Amino acid sequence: MEGQDSTIVTGVDIGDRYCHICVLDGDAEVIEETRVKTKPEAIERYFSGKERMRVALEVGTHSPWISSLIADQGHEVLVANARKLRMIYENDQKDDRTDAEMLARVARMDPKLLSPIQHRGEEARASLAVIRSRDILVQGRTKLVNHVRGSVKAFGARMPSCSTGSFGKHVGEIPENLAAALTPVMNTIQELTGRIREYDRRIEQAAKEEIPETAALRQVGGVGALTSLAFVLILENPGRFKNGRVVGSYVGLCPRRDQSGDANPQLRIAKTGNPYLRRLLVGSAHYILGPFGPDSDLRRWGLKLAERGGKNAKKRAAVAVARKLSVLLFRLWQTGEVYEPLRRSGDDDQRLDAASVGA
C-alpha cells in the first residue's frame, strides 16, 4: 500500500444497530455508500473477498470486535481516537453518512491525523471486565451509603462512623421511623459488600497466578493487587511506549500546554486516557502521602511539594506523585528489578519538578 493514489480507503461509522460505510477510490471519489447491520456475520460478509483496503473507524463499544474481524479479512484497520476528530463531532452537518466519508478522507490524506489506537487483546478485555464490574458495584454501594447517611441526618440522627465495607452491619442504628424505608437499602449494601469481596478474591488470584509480573509493581507501598493488575491490563504491552514519561501522558496526569510566544501558562492536567487507571494512581498517591504511607523517596518528594503552600498544594502534590508513580511502576514492570524505596535518600537537595507544580 505504498502508493496512496492507488489505495482504496473505507470509512466506517459504527452505530449500535447499523454501520454506515463510505468507500473512496484512488482519486478520492466516492464509489460506494451503504450500510450493514452491526453484527459479526454482516460485517464479515461485506469485507470478505474484497481487494485489500485501508479501513478507518472510530473507537467505541463495538470497535474492538469489528476492527479485529475486518483485520482478519486481510485489510489495514485504523481505529481513530475520538478526541482527535473534532472536525467530525463538531461538524454542523453531522450525520452517519457524513461521518463515514470524513473518516475515509482523513485516513486517505494522512492516517496519523486519526491518532490511531491499538485495542487490547480479548483476554485482557475479559480480565478488565472483572475489574470494571467491581468498580460499578463500589460506586453503587457508595451512592447507597450516602443516601442512608443523608436520610438519617434529615431526621436529626447520625449513622456511626465506619468503613464503607462494614456500613451494612449497622442496620440496627437506623431510626425506627426510617426502618421501613432504609432497611432494604442497608441489606442491599451488605449484599454488595459480599459481591465486592468476591471480586477482590478473583482479582488477587489473577494478580498472583495469571499475571505474575504484577508482583514487581506491588513492591511499592500503596500499590495493591487491584492497581497493579489494572496497570498491566490497561497498558497491556510496555513496548507500546517509548519510555516511562509517556505513560504519565497516556493516563492524563501531565499538565496541558498552551504555549504561544512568551506566554506559557500553567494549566490543569489533561485528563486524557483511561480515567479509571488515573483514579487508581491518584488513590495510591494519597496513601503514599498519608499518615500510613511508608517512608520512601517518592513520599519525601511529594511532601516537600505539598509544603510549598498554596490553596491546592496537597491536591497538586497527589497528582504529581501519581504521575511519578506511573513512571516508577512502568520501570518496575519493564525490568522486574527490586524496588528500593530510599534509593535517593542521601540527596536532600533534590530539585522539585517544576512541571509537576502545574499538575
Protein backbone atom coordinates (compact mmCIF):
# COMPACT_ATOMS: atom_id res chain seq x y z
CA MET A 1 0.00 0.00 0.00
CA GLU A 2 2.84 2.37 -0.78
CA GLY A 3 1.05 4.44 -3.39
CA GLN A 4 -1.71 6.42 -1.73
CA ASP A 5 -3.32 7.23 -5.10
CA SER A 6 -3.99 3.53 -5.74
CA THR A 7 -5.30 2.78 -2.27
CA ILE A 8 -8.96 2.05 -1.69
CA VAL A 9 -9.95 3.75 1.57
CA THR A 10 -13.12 2.98 3.51
CA GLY A 11 -14.68 4.90 6.37
CA VAL A 12 -16.99 3.07 8.78
CA ASP A 13 -19.28 4.99 11.13
CA ILE A 14 -20.34 2.44 13.75
CA GLY A 15 -23.83 2.59 15.18
CA ASP A 16 -25.45 0.29 17.68
CA ARG A 17 -27.71 -1.23 15.01
CA TYR A 18 -26.10 -0.28 11.68
CA CYS A 19 -22.66 0.64 10.35
CA HIS A 20 -22.56 3.27 7.60
CA ILE A 21 -19.80 2.68 5.06
CA CYS A 22 -18.21 5.07 2.56
CA VAL A 23 -15.61 3.85 0.04
CA LEU A 24 -13.18 6.15 -1.83
CA ASP A 25 -11.18 5.17 -4.88
CA GLY A 26 -7.64 6.23 -5.70
CA ASP A 27 -8.88 9.61 -6.95
CA ALA A 28 -10.73 10.29 -3.68
CA GLU A 29 -14.08 9.86 -5.39
CA VAL A 30 -16.93 8.15 -3.55
CA ILE A 31 -17.55 4.83 -5.29
CA GLU A 32 -19.87 3.24 -2.76
CA GLU A 33 -22.08 4.23 0.15
CA THR A 34 -24.02 1.62 2.04
CA ARG A 35 -24.88 0.36 5.47
CA VAL A 36 -24.72 -3.07 7.09
CA LYS A 37 -26.05 -4.41 10.34
CA THR A 38 -23.73 -4.18 13.33
CA LYS A 39 -23.45 -7.95 13.58
CA PRO A 40 -20.39 -10.18 13.06
CA GLU A 41 -21.89 -12.12 10.16
CA ALA A 42 -22.93 -8.93 8.32
CA ILE A 43 -19.54 -7.25 8.80
CA GLU A 44 -17.66 -10.37 7.71
CA ARG A 45 -19.92 -10.82 4.67
CA TYR A 46 -19.24 -7.28 3.45
CA PHE A 47 -15.45 -7.21 3.88
CA SER A 48 -14.57 -10.80 2.95
CA GLY A 49 -13.22 -11.36 -0.54
CA LYS A 50 -12.70 -7.66 -1.27
CA GLU A 51 -9.46 -6.12 -2.51
CA ARG A 52 -7.19 -5.14 0.38
CA MET A 53 -8.14 -1.66 1.56
CA ARG A 54 -7.45 0.79 4.34
CA VAL A 55 -10.40 0.89 6.74
CA ALA A 56 -10.89 3.71 9.25
CA LEU A 57 -13.39 3.52 12.08
CA GLU A 58 -13.91 5.44 15.30
CA VAL A 59 -13.19 3.91 18.70
CA GLY A 60 -16.30 2.85 20.58
CA THR A 61 -18.14 -0.03 22.21
CA HIS A 62 -18.18 -2.19 19.08
CA SER A 63 -14.80 -1.17 17.64
CA PRO A 64 -12.71 -3.91 19.36
CA TRP A 65 -14.50 -6.84 17.75
CA ILE A 66 -15.25 -5.06 14.46
CA SER A 67 -11.62 -3.97 13.95
CA SER A 68 -10.39 -7.48 14.73
CA LEU A 69 -12.88 -9.06 12.36
CA ILE A 70 -12.03 -6.70 9.48
CA ALA A 71 -8.29 -7.22 10.04
CA ASP A 72 -8.85 -10.98 9.83
CA GLN A 73 -10.18 -10.41 6.29
CA GLY A 74 -6.74 -9.04 5.29
CA HIS A 75 -7.45 -5.30 5.44
CA GLU A 76 -5.45 -2.50 7.09
CA VAL A 77 -7.51 -1.18 10.00
CA LEU A 78 -7.13 2.20 11.70
CA VAL A 79 -9.12 2.80 14.89
CA ALA A 80 -9.37 6.57 15.24
CA ASN A 81 -9.02 8.34 18.58
CA ALA A 82 -12.33 10.18 19.03
CA ARG A 83 -10.64 13.02 20.90
CA LYS A 84 -8.65 13.89 17.79
CA LEU A 85 -11.64 14.10 15.45
CA ARG A 86 -13.24 17.41 16.35
CA MET A 87 -13.75 18.04 12.63
CA ILE A 88 -16.28 15.19 12.76
CA TYR A 89 -18.18 15.60 16.02
CA GLU A 90 -18.29 19.42 15.72
CA ASN A 91 -19.48 19.31 12.11
CA ASP A 92 -22.65 21.39 11.64
CA GLN A 93 -23.87 18.90 9.03
CA LYS A 94 -23.12 15.85 11.14
CA ASP A 95 -24.83 12.58 10.27
CA ASP A 96 -23.74 8.96 9.94
CA ARG A 97 -23.11 9.11 6.18
CA THR A 98 -21.05 12.30 6.51
CA ASP A 99 -19.05 10.86 9.41
CA ALA A 100 -18.16 7.76 7.40
CA GLU A 101 -16.99 9.86 4.46
CA MET A 102 -14.97 12.18 6.71
CA LEU A 103 -13.22 9.20 8.31
CA ALA A 104 -12.32 7.88 4.87
CA ARG A 105 -10.99 11.22 3.64
CA VAL A 106 -8.85 11.83 6.73
CA ALA A 107 -7.46 8.28 6.53
CA ARG A 108 -6.61 8.82 2.88
CA MET A 109 -4.97 12.20 3.44
CA ASP A 110 -2.82 11.27 6.46
CA PRO A 111 -3.59 8.34 8.79
CA LYS A 112 -1.60 9.99 11.59
CA LEU A 113 -4.32 12.64 11.87
CA LEU A 114 -6.56 9.90 13.25
CA SER A 115 -4.12 9.27 16.14
CA PRO A 116 -4.94 5.56 15.73
CA ILE A 117 -5.16 3.46 18.87
CA GLN A 118 -4.47 -0.21 19.44
CA HIS A 119 -7.18 -2.29 21.06
CA ARG A 120 -6.28 -4.74 23.80
CA GLY A 121 -6.42 -8.46 23.27
CA GLU A 122 -9.56 -10.43 24.07
CA GLU A 123 -8.13 -11.99 27.23
CA ALA A 124 -7.07 -8.61 28.60
CA ARG A 125 -10.53 -7.16 27.89
CA ALA A 126 -12.18 -10.09 29.67
CA SER A 127 -9.99 -9.60 32.75
CA LEU A 128 -10.66 -5.87 32.70
CA ALA A 129 -14.39 -6.63 32.67
CA VAL A 130 -13.97 -8.14 36.15
CA ILE A 131 -12.20 -5.03 37.43
CA ARG A 132 -14.78 -2.69 35.91
CA SER A 133 -17.66 -4.75 37.27
CA ARG A 134 -16.18 -4.41 40.74
CA ASP A 135 -15.84 -0.67 40.24
CA ILE A 136 -19.52 -0.37 39.26
CA LEU A 137 -20.56 -2.19 42.42
CA VAL A 138 -18.29 0.01 44.55
CA GLN A 139 -19.78 3.16 43.04
CA GLY A 140 -23.29 1.85 43.58
CA ARG A 141 -22.57 0.97 47.20
CA THR A 142 -21.10 4.42 47.84
CA LYS A 143 -24.24 6.10 46.50
CA LEU A 144 -26.44 3.93 48.70
CA VAL A 145 -24.32 4.64 51.79
CA ASN A 146 -24.51 8.38 51.11
CA HIS A 147 -28.27 8.09 50.64
CA VAL A 148 -28.70 6.39 54.02
CA ARG A 149 -26.46 8.87 55.85
CA GLY A 150 -28.24 11.84 54.27
CA SER A 151 -31.68 10.47 55.01
CA VAL A 152 -30.83 9.81 58.66
CA LYS A 153 -29.30 13.28 59.10
CA ALA A 154 -32.50 14.85 57.81
CA PHE A 155 -34.26 13.37 60.85
CA GLY A 156 -31.73 14.70 63.36
CA ALA A 157 -29.77 11.46 63.81
CA ARG A 158 -26.44 10.13 62.53
CA MET A 159 -25.12 6.80 61.40
CA PRO A 160 -21.90 5.67 63.13
CA SER A 161 -18.52 6.44 61.59
CA CYS A 162 -17.17 3.29 59.97
CA SER A 163 -15.70 1.93 56.79
CA THR A 164 -17.95 1.52 53.79
CA GLY A 165 -17.34 -2.22 53.91
CA SER A 166 -18.81 -2.56 57.40
CA PHE A 167 -21.59 0.01 56.98
CA GLY A 168 -24.26 -2.56 56.14
CA LYS A 169 -23.84 -4.23 59.54
CA HIS A 170 -25.23 -1.16 61.30
CA VAL A 171 -28.81 -1.68 60.17
CA GLY A 172 -29.85 -1.59 63.82
CA GLU A 173 -28.71 2.04 64.09
CA ILE A 174 -31.43 3.29 61.73
CA PRO A 175 -34.13 5.35 63.48
CA GLU A 176 -37.36 3.42 63.92
CA ASN A 177 -39.41 5.77 61.76
CA LEU A 178 -36.99 5.19 58.83
CA ALA A 179 -36.62 1.44 59.20
CA ALA A 180 -39.21 0.57 56.54
CA ALA A 181 -37.58 2.89 54.00
CA LEU A 182 -33.89 2.21 54.68
CA THR A 183 -33.61 -1.39 55.90
CA PRO A 184 -33.89 -2.80 52.33
CA VAL A 185 -31.18 -0.35 51.27
CA MET A 186 -28.93 -1.49 54.11
CA ASN A 187 -29.49 -5.13 53.13
CA THR A 188 -28.52 -4.26 49.56
CA ILE A 189 -25.36 -2.53 50.82
CA GLN A 190 -24.44 -5.65 52.77
CA GLU A 191 -25.05 -7.84 49.74
CA LEU A 192 -22.95 -5.57 47.52
CA THR A 193 -20.12 -5.74 50.06
CA GLY A 194 -20.14 -9.52 49.76
CA ARG A 195 -20.07 -9.34 45.97
CA ILE A 196 -17.20 -6.85 46.04
CA ARG A 197 -15.20 -9.15 48.30
CA GLU A 198 -15.74 -11.97 45.83
CA TYR A 199 -14.32 -9.76 43.07
CA ASP A 200 -11.40 -8.84 45.35
CA ARG A 201 -10.56 -12.52 45.76
CA ARG A 202 -10.72 -13.08 41.99
CA ILE A 203 -8.50 -10.05 41.37
CA GLU A 204 -5.98 -11.20 43.98
CA GLN A 205 -5.88 -14.64 42.41
CA ALA A 206 -5.48 -13.24 38.90
CA ALA A 207 -2.64 -10.98 40.02
CA LYS A 208 -0.77 -13.89 41.59
CA GLU A 209 -1.44 -16.71 39.14
CA GLU A 210 -2.38 -15.25 35.75
CA ILE A 211 -0.25 -12.10 35.61
CA PRO A 212 2.71 -12.69 37.95
CA GLU A 213 4.56 -9.59 36.69
CA THR A 214 2.26 -7.56 38.95
CA ALA A 215 4.41 -8.71 41.88
CA ALA A 216 7.14 -6.27 40.83
CA LEU A 217 4.67 -3.37 40.96
CA ARG A 218 3.29 -4.38 44.36
CA GLN A 219 6.68 -3.77 45.92
CA VAL A 220 5.66 -0.10 46.12
CA GLY A 221 3.74 0.73 49.28
CA GLY A 222 0.19 1.77 48.43
CA VAL A 223 0.01 -0.36 45.27
CA GLY A 224 -2.06 -3.49 45.72
CA ALA A 225 -3.46 -6.24 43.53
CA LEU A 226 -6.19 -4.05 42.02
CA THR A 227 -3.94 -1.16 40.97
CA SER A 228 -1.10 -3.35 39.72
CA LEU A 229 -3.43 -5.62 37.74
CA ALA A 230 -5.30 -2.68 36.20
CA PHE A 231 -1.99 -1.01 35.31
CA VAL A 232 -0.70 -4.06 33.44
CA LEU A 233 -4.00 -4.91 31.74
CA ILE A 234 -4.79 -1.37 30.61
CA LEU A 235 -1.30 -0.67 29.27
CA GLU A 236 -1.00 -4.32 28.17
CA ASN A 237 2.33 -4.10 26.35
CA PRO A 238 5.22 -1.98 27.67
CA GLY A 239 6.73 -1.99 24.18
CA ARG A 240 3.94 0.37 23.07
CA PHE A 241 5.57 3.22 24.98
CA LYS A 242 8.82 4.97 24.19
CA ASN A 243 9.64 5.47 27.88
CA GLY A 244 8.01 5.80 31.29
CA ARG A 245 7.32 9.50 30.91
CA VAL A 246 4.96 8.77 28.04
CA VAL A 247 2.84 6.68 30.42
CA GLY A 248 2.14 9.76 32.54
CA SER A 249 0.79 11.50 29.47
CA TYR A 250 -1.12 8.40 28.40
CA VAL A 251 -3.20 8.37 31.60
CA GLY A 252 -3.71 12.15 31.51
CA LEU A 253 -1.57 13.09 34.52
CA CYS A 254 0.61 15.63 32.71
CA PRO A 255 -0.36 19.33 32.54
CA ARG A 256 -1.90 20.59 29.33
CA ARG A 257 0.12 23.07 27.30
CA ASP A 258 -0.95 26.28 25.61
CA GLN A 259 2.40 27.84 24.81
CA SER A 260 2.47 30.73 22.35
CA GLY A 261 5.39 33.14 22.04
CA ASP A 262 6.49 34.18 25.53
CA ALA A 263 3.25 33.01 27.11
CA ASN A 264 3.41 29.58 28.72
CA PRO A 265 0.70 29.44 31.40
CA GLN A 266 0.44 26.63 33.94
CA LEU A 267 -2.66 24.59 33.15
CA ARG A 268 -4.52 21.71 34.74
CA ILE A 269 -3.74 18.11 33.86
CA ALA A 270 -5.02 16.86 30.53
CA LYS A 271 -7.24 14.08 31.95
CA THR A 272 -6.96 12.12 28.73
CA GLY A 273 -6.52 8.37 28.55
CA ASN A 274 -8.09 5.89 30.93
CA PRO A 275 -9.93 7.69 33.78
CA TYR A 276 -10.17 4.56 35.94
CA LEU A 277 -6.42 3.93 35.93
CA ARG A 278 -5.84 7.62 36.63
CA ARG A 279 -8.18 7.40 39.61
CA LEU A 280 -6.37 4.34 40.97
CA LEU A 281 -2.96 6.00 40.65
CA VAL A 282 -4.17 9.16 42.41
CA GLY A 283 -5.66 6.98 45.16
CA SER A 284 -2.32 5.23 45.62
CA ALA A 285 -0.62 8.64 45.72
CA HIS A 286 -2.93 9.79 48.51
CA TYR A 287 -1.99 6.69 50.50
CA ILE A 288 1.73 7.28 49.89
CA LEU A 289 1.39 10.86 51.18
CA GLY A 290 -0.98 9.91 54.00
CA PRO A 291 -0.20 9.02 57.63
CA PHE A 292 0.23 5.32 56.88
CA GLY A 293 2.40 5.72 53.79
CA PRO A 294 5.82 4.03 54.18
CA ASP A 295 8.92 6.19 54.03
CA SER A 296 10.29 6.47 50.51
CA ASP A 297 11.90 8.90 48.09
CA LEU A 298 8.54 9.35 46.42
CA ARG A 299 6.79 10.19 49.68
CA ARG A 300 9.50 12.66 50.74
CA TRP A 301 9.40 14.33 47.34
CA GLY A 302 5.63 14.63 47.45
CA LEU A 303 5.57 16.03 50.99
CA LYS A 304 8.14 18.68 50.03
CA LEU A 305 5.96 19.63 47.10
CA ALA A 306 2.90 19.88 49.35
CA GLU A 307 4.76 22.15 51.78
CA ARG A 308 5.30 24.79 49.13
CA GLY A 309 1.92 26.21 50.08
CA GLY A 310 -0.94 27.43 48.01
CA LYS A 311 -4.61 26.64 48.10
CA ASN A 312 -4.35 23.40 46.19
CA ALA A 313 -0.83 22.37 47.18
CA LYS A 314 -1.81 18.98 48.62
CA LYS A 315 -4.03 18.16 45.68
CA ARG A 316 -1.32 19.11 43.20
CA ALA A 317 1.22 17.09 45.15
CA ALA A 318 -1.00 14.00 44.97
CA VAL A 319 -1.37 14.36 41.21
CA ALA A 320 2.37 14.91 40.79
CA VAL A 321 3.14 11.84 42.91
CA ALA A 322 0.64 9.83 40.87
CA ARG A 323 2.46 10.80 37.70
CA LYS A 324 5.85 9.85 39.12
CA LEU A 325 4.29 6.64 40.42
CA SER A 326 3.15 5.73 36.90
CA VAL A 327 6.73 6.17 35.66
CA LEU A 328 8.07 4.08 38.55
CA LEU A 329 5.56 1.26 38.00
CA PHE A 330 6.34 1.21 34.30
CA ARG A 331 10.07 0.81 35.01
CA LEU A 332 9.46 -1.97 37.53
CA TRP A 333 7.20 -3.71 35.02
CA GLN A 334 9.82 -3.45 32.28
CA THR A 335 12.83 -4.50 34.33
CA GLY A 336 11.38 -6.59 37.17
CA GLU A 337 14.06 -5.05 39.39
CA VAL A 338 13.94 -4.91 43.18
CA TYR A 339 12.35 -1.70 44.37
CA GLU A 340 14.50 0.46 46.64
CA PRO A 341 12.17 2.94 48.40
CA LEU A 342 15.02 5.12 49.72
CA ARG A 343 17.35 4.94 46.76
CA ARG A 344 17.91 8.71 46.75
CA SER A 345 17.63 9.32 50.46
CA GLY A 346 21.10 10.86 50.63
CA ASP A 347 20.21 13.61 48.20
CA ASP A 348 18.27 16.05 50.40
CA ASP A 349 18.63 18.85 47.88
CA GLN A 350 16.78 17.00 45.14
CA ARG A 351 15.19 19.53 42.82
CA LEU A 352 11.42 19.59 42.56
CA ASP A 353 9.99 19.05 39.10
CA ALA A 354 8.60 22.45 38.10
CA ALA A 355 6.19 20.85 35.66
CA SER A 356 4.58 18.91 38.50
CA VAL A 357 3.59 22.13 40.26
CA GLY A 358 1.25 22.84 37.37
CA ALA A 359 -0.39 19.43 37.64
